[in-house]
Amino acid sequence: MITDLIQEKNCFMIDSVSDWKEAVKVACRPMIEQGFCTEEYEKAVFESTEKFGPYYVLCENLALIHASLAAGVNETQMAVTVLKKPVKFSPDGYDVRVLVTLVAKDRVSHMEGIQSVSNIFSDPEKVQKILDAPSTKEIYDLFISSTCENK
């Protein structure tokens, strides 16, 4: 269930980050601190980015931060960090304000999270609600309701 995959305490709002590397660190920090993954996971994101570029920047405003299943994952979980000021992951890339960190221990347990992200980012109104959210509870509620509406 989506409520097992994302917790309100893993939704954050911050002003800005200095660059894409800080964005990845900020996005991964709660997953590491709570034991859902190890620092190896964050390292794997950096290594993948060096090798393939920022493949996880999916569209304007969205980076779906993730790495290999084998990279220090302990439990499937998701975190959402909304930046007030955008960051670019490459000079000619999209402005990103929503960092969704997805830590998955297998190929199936995170699918509701992917569905929720897809439902939100296919609807400009929902994206704007995330960007304008007055609280982390609003962000959490939108992710929960965006999964439930297709059931």
Protein backbone atom coordinates (compact mmCIF):
# COMPACT_ATOMS: atom_id res chain seq x y z
CA MET A 1 0.00 0.00 0.00
CA ILE A 2 1.12 3.56 -0.68
CA THR A 3 0.84 4.39 3.03
CA ASP A 4 3.57 1.81 3.67
CA LEU A 5 5.74 3.33 0.96
CA ILE A 6 5.65 7.00 1.94
CA GLN A 7 5.34 8.56 5.37
CA GLU A 8 4.48 12.15 6.16
CA LYS A 9 7.73 12.48 8.11
CA ASN A 10 9.58 11.81 4.83
CA CYS A 11 8.10 14.85 3.07
CA PHE A 12 10.18 18.00 3.26
CA MET A 13 10.23 21.59 2.08
CA ILE A 14 13.49 23.53 1.88
CA ASP A 15 14.51 26.83 0.33
CA SER A 16 17.33 25.77 -1.95
CA VAL A 17 20.41 23.68 -2.57
CA SER A 18 23.73 24.89 -3.95
CA ASP A 19 23.89 22.35 -6.81
CA TRP A 20 22.65 18.96 -8.02
CA LYS A 21 25.07 17.07 -5.77
CA GLU A 22 23.65 18.74 -2.69
CA ALA A 23 20.16 17.98 -4.05
CA VAL A 24 20.97 14.25 -4.18
CA LYS A 25 22.45 14.34 -0.66
CA VAL A 26 19.42 16.20 0.74
CA ALA A 27 17.04 13.81 -1.04
CA CYS A 28 18.82 10.66 0.21
CA ARG A 29 19.55 11.83 3.76
CA PRO A 30 16.23 10.80 5.39
CA MET A 31 16.36 7.37 3.77
CA ILE A 32 19.89 6.82 5.12
CA GLU A 33 19.15 8.27 8.57
CA GLN A 34 16.11 6.02 9.00
CA GLY A 35 17.93 2.91 7.78
CA PHE A 36 15.94 2.33 4.59
CA CYS A 37 19.27 2.35 2.75
CA THR A 38 22.94 2.89 3.47
CA GLU A 39 25.34 5.55 2.22
CA GLU A 40 26.21 3.05 -0.51
CA TYR A 41 22.87 3.94 -2.12
CA GLU A 42 23.73 7.64 -2.34
CA LYS A 43 27.16 6.71 -3.73
CA ALA A 44 25.47 4.53 -6.37
CA VAL A 45 23.29 7.49 -7.45
CA PHE A 46 26.43 9.60 -7.93
CA GLU A 47 28.21 6.81 -9.82
CA SER A 48 25.20 6.26 -12.10
CA THR A 49 24.97 10.00 -12.74
CA GLU A 50 28.64 10.13 -13.72
CA LYS A 51 28.16 7.18 -16.06
CA PHE A 52 24.76 7.99 -17.61
CA GLY A 53 24.07 11.63 -16.76
CA PRO A 54 21.03 12.73 -14.74
CA TYR A 55 18.70 10.07 -16.23
CA TYR A 56 16.38 10.45 -13.25
CA VAL A 57 15.33 14.00 -14.18
CA LEU A 58 12.12 12.96 -15.90
CA CYS A 59 10.46 16.28 -16.74
CA GLU A 60 10.25 19.92 -15.70
CA ASN A 61 10.31 20.07 -11.88
CA LEU A 62 10.83 16.32 -11.25
CA ALA A 63 13.87 14.25 -10.34
CA LEU A 64 13.12 10.65 -9.37
CA ILE A 65 16.31 9.89 -7.45
CA HIS A 66 17.07 6.17 -7.50
CA ALA A 67 19.84 3.63 -7.97
CA SER A 68 20.28 -0.10 -8.39
CA LEU A 69 18.33 -2.50 -6.20
CA ALA A 70 21.59 -4.01 -5.01
CA ALA A 71 23.05 -0.71 -3.78
CA GLY A 72 22.62 -0.77 -0.01
CA VAL A 73 18.83 -1.05 0.11
CA ASN A 74 17.32 -2.36 3.34
CA GLU A 75 13.63 -1.58 2.86
CA THR A 76 11.40 -0.03 0.20
CA GLN A 77 10.51 3.56 0.97
CA MET A 78 9.99 6.94 -0.66
CA ALA A 79 10.80 10.52 0.35
CA VAL A 80 9.71 13.80 -1.26
CA THR A 81 11.65 17.04 -0.98
CA VAL A 82 10.21 20.21 -2.50
CA LEU A 83 12.65 23.03 -3.21
CA LYS A 84 11.43 26.64 -3.24
CA LYS A 85 14.19 27.53 -5.70
CA PRO A 86 14.91 25.15 -8.59
CA VAL A 87 18.17 23.34 -9.25
CA LYS A 88 19.53 22.10 -12.58
CA PHE A 89 21.16 18.70 -12.85
CA SER A 90 22.81 19.67 -16.14
CA PRO A 91 23.40 23.07 -17.75
CA ASP A 92 20.80 22.53 -20.47
CA GLY A 93 18.44 20.43 -18.33
CA TYR A 94 15.11 21.09 -16.70
CA ASP A 95 14.63 23.19 -13.60
CA VAL A 96 13.86 20.74 -10.78
CA ARG A 97 11.93 21.57 -7.62
CA VAL A 98 10.58 18.17 -6.59
CA LEU A 99 13.04 15.48 -5.56
CA VAL A 100 11.40 12.08 -5.12
CA THR A 101 13.79 9.55 -3.62
CA LEU A 102 12.78 5.97 -4.27
CA VAL A 103 14.58 3.19 -2.44
CA ALA A 104 13.34 -0.21 -3.64
CA LYS A 105 14.42 -3.63 -2.39
CA ASP A 106 12.76 -5.46 -5.28
CA ARG A 107 11.16 -4.79 -8.66
CA VAL A 108 7.55 -4.70 -7.44
CA SER A 109 7.12 -3.15 -3.99
CA HIS A 110 7.55 0.44 -5.22
CA MET A 111 5.04 0.37 -8.07
CA GLU A 112 2.35 2.35 -6.21
CA GLY A 113 4.93 5.05 -5.65
CA ILE A 114 5.70 5.17 -9.37
CA GLN A 115 1.96 5.30 -10.07
CA SER A 116 1.52 8.22 -7.69
CA VAL A 117 4.43 10.17 -9.23
CA SER A 118 3.05 9.49 -12.70
CA ASN A 119 -0.46 10.61 -11.73
CA ILE A 120 0.83 13.84 -10.22
CA PHE A 121 3.26 14.78 -12.97
CA SER A 122 0.80 14.05 -15.79
CA ASP A 123 -1.52 16.71 -14.34
CA PRO A 124 -0.17 20.31 -14.36
CA GLU A 125 -2.71 21.29 -11.69
CA LYS A 126 -1.38 18.66 -9.27
CA VAL A 127 2.21 19.66 -10.00
CA GLN A 128 1.33 23.24 -9.13
CA LYS A 129 -0.33 22.08 -5.90
CA ILE A 130 2.91 20.34 -4.91
CA LEU A 131 5.01 23.40 -5.81
CA ASP A 132 2.65 25.71 -3.88
CA ALA A 133 2.02 23.37 -0.93
CA PRO A 134 1.88 25.31 2.33
CA SER A 135 2.95 22.28 4.40
CA THR A 136 4.53 18.87 4.18
CA LYS A 137 1.14 17.36 5.07
CA GLU A 138 -0.29 18.78 1.83
CA ILE A 139 2.53 17.13 -0.13
CA TYR A 140 1.98 13.80 1.62
CA ASP A 141 -1.80 13.93 1.13
CA LEU A 142 -1.41 14.63 -2.58
CA PHE A 143 0.86 11.62 -3.06
CA ILE A 144 -1.54 9.38 -1.14
CA SER A 145 -4.65 10.58 -2.98
CA SER A 146 -2.94 10.39 -6.38
CA THR A 147 -2.42 6.67 -5.97
CA CYS A 148 -5.82 5.94 -4.50
CA GLU A 149 -7.78 7.69 -7.24
CA ASN A 150 -6.93 5.06 -9.87
CA LYS A 151 -8.13 2.10 -7.83
